[in-house]
Amino acid sequence: MRQDLVVDTGRLIAALRARVEELVYENALLSAAVDQQRDEINELKGAHSAGDHRR
């Protein structure tokens, strides 16, 4: 016997909105981490170049 699946669209939309909010937050954290790592790499490159007198 086959039964139709009953979906509460309001609950589904609320769950999807909550997940989108989580993803937006995670994306912001990852973006900030990437920016921080890029800044640290650039600082290290600058320090390395400043100490390199072999040119």
C-alpha atoms as a PDB file:
ATOM      1  CA  MET A   1       0.000   0.000   0.000  1.00  0.00           C
ATOM      2  CA  ARG A   2       1.387   3.359  -1.015  1.00  0.00           C
ATOM      3  CA  GLN A   3       0.842   6.526   1.012  1.00  0.00           C
ATOM      4  CA  ASP A   4       1.386  10.083  -0.073  1.00  0.00           C
ATOM      5  CA  LEU A   5       4.067  12.009   1.713  1.00  0.00           C
ATOM      6  CA  VAL A   6       2.623  14.967   3.564  1.00  0.00           C
ATOM      7  CA  VAL A   7       5.012  17.876   3.837  1.00  0.00           C
ATOM      8  CA  ASP A   8       4.452  20.868   6.071  1.00  0.00           C
ATOM      9  CA  THR A   9       5.778  23.582   3.791  1.00  0.00           C
ATOM     10  CA  GLY A  10       5.992  26.104   6.624  1.00  0.00           C
ATOM     11  CA  ARG A  11       8.279  23.835   8.651  1.00  0.00           C
ATOM     12  CA  LEU A  12      10.296  22.985   5.555  1.00  0.00           C
ATOM     13  CA  ILE A  13      10.837  26.643   4.727  1.00  0.00           C
ATOM     14  CA  ALA A  14      11.777  27.414   8.334  1.00  0.00           C
ATOM     15  CA  ALA A  15      14.317  24.573   8.346  1.00  0.00           C
ATOM     16  CA  LEU A  16      15.811  25.723   5.047  1.00  0.00           C
ATOM     17  CA  ARG A  17      16.057  29.313   6.270  1.00  0.00           C
ATOM     18  CA  ALA A  18      17.809  28.150   9.430  1.00  0.00           C
ATOM     19  CA  ARG A  19      20.278  26.123   7.364  1.00  0.00           C
ATOM     20  CA  VAL A  20      20.933  29.079   5.062  1.00  0.00           C
ATOM     21  CA  GLU A  21      21.690  31.232   8.122  1.00  0.00           C
ATOM     22  CA  GLU A  22      24.139  28.576   9.357  1.00  0.00           C
ATOM     23  CA  LEU A  23      25.852  28.470   5.970  1.00  0.00           C
ATOM     24  CA  VAL A  24      26.090  32.257   5.796  1.00  0.00           C
ATOM     25  CA  TYR A  25      27.723  32.290   9.234  1.00  0.00           C
ATOM     26  CA  GLU A  26      30.122  29.477   8.316  1.00  0.00           C
ATOM     27  CA  ASN A  27      31.007  31.269   5.085  1.00  0.00           C
ATOM     28  CA  ALA A  28      31.772  34.487   6.979  1.00  0.00           C
ATOM     29  CA  LEU A  29      34.048  32.597   9.388  1.00  0.00           C
ATOM     30  CA  LEU A  30      35.893  30.867   6.569  1.00  0.00           C
ATOM     31  CA  SER A  31      36.256  34.110   4.650  1.00  0.00           C
ATOM     32  CA  ALA A  32      37.730  35.831   7.697  1.00  0.00           C
ATOM     33  CA  ALA A  33      40.120  32.914   8.232  1.00  0.00           C
ATOM     34  CA  VAL A  34      41.265  33.060   4.603  1.00  0.00           C
ATOM     35  CA  ASP A  35      41.816  36.812   4.861  1.00  0.00           C
ATOM     36  CA  GLN A  36      43.812  36.341   8.056  1.00  0.00           C
ATOM     37  CA  GLN A  37      45.974  33.627   6.510  1.00  0.00           C
ATOM     38  CA  ARG A  38      46.567  35.763   3.407  1.00  0.00           C
ATOM     39  CA  ASP A  39      47.648  38.682   5.597  1.00  0.00           C
ATOM     40  CA  GLU A  40      50.013  36.457   7.573  1.00  0.00           C
ATOM     41  CA  ILE A  41      51.528  35.041   4.369  1.00  0.00           C
ATOM     42  CA  ASN A  42      52.002  38.526   2.956  1.00  0.00           C
ATOM     43  CA  GLU A  43      53.658  39.642   6.195  1.00  0.00           C
ATOM     44  CA  LEU A  44      56.014  36.670   6.093  1.00  0.00           C
ATOM     45  CA  LYS A  45      56.851  37.333   2.458  1.00  0.00           C
ATOM     46  CA  GLY A  46      57.523  40.983   3.293  1.00  0.00           C
ATOM     47  CA  ALA A  47      59.769  40.036   6.210  1.00  0.00           C
ATOM     48  CA  HIS A  48      61.587  37.524   4.039  1.00  0.00           C
ATOM     49  CA  SER A  49      62.083  40.065   1.239  1.00  0.00           C
ATOM     50  CA  ALA A  50      63.282  42.735   3.679  1.00  0.00           C
ATOM     51  CA  GLY A  51      65.952  40.383   5.005  1.00  0.00           C
ATOM     52  CA  ASP A  52      67.032  39.190   1.556  1.00  0.00           C
ATOM     53  CA  HIS A  53      70.116  41.171   0.491  1.00  0.00           C
ATOM     54  CA  ARG A  54      71.245  38.857  -2.328  1.00  0.00           C
ATOM     55  CA  ARG A  55      69.781  41.013  -5.083  1.00  0.00           C
END
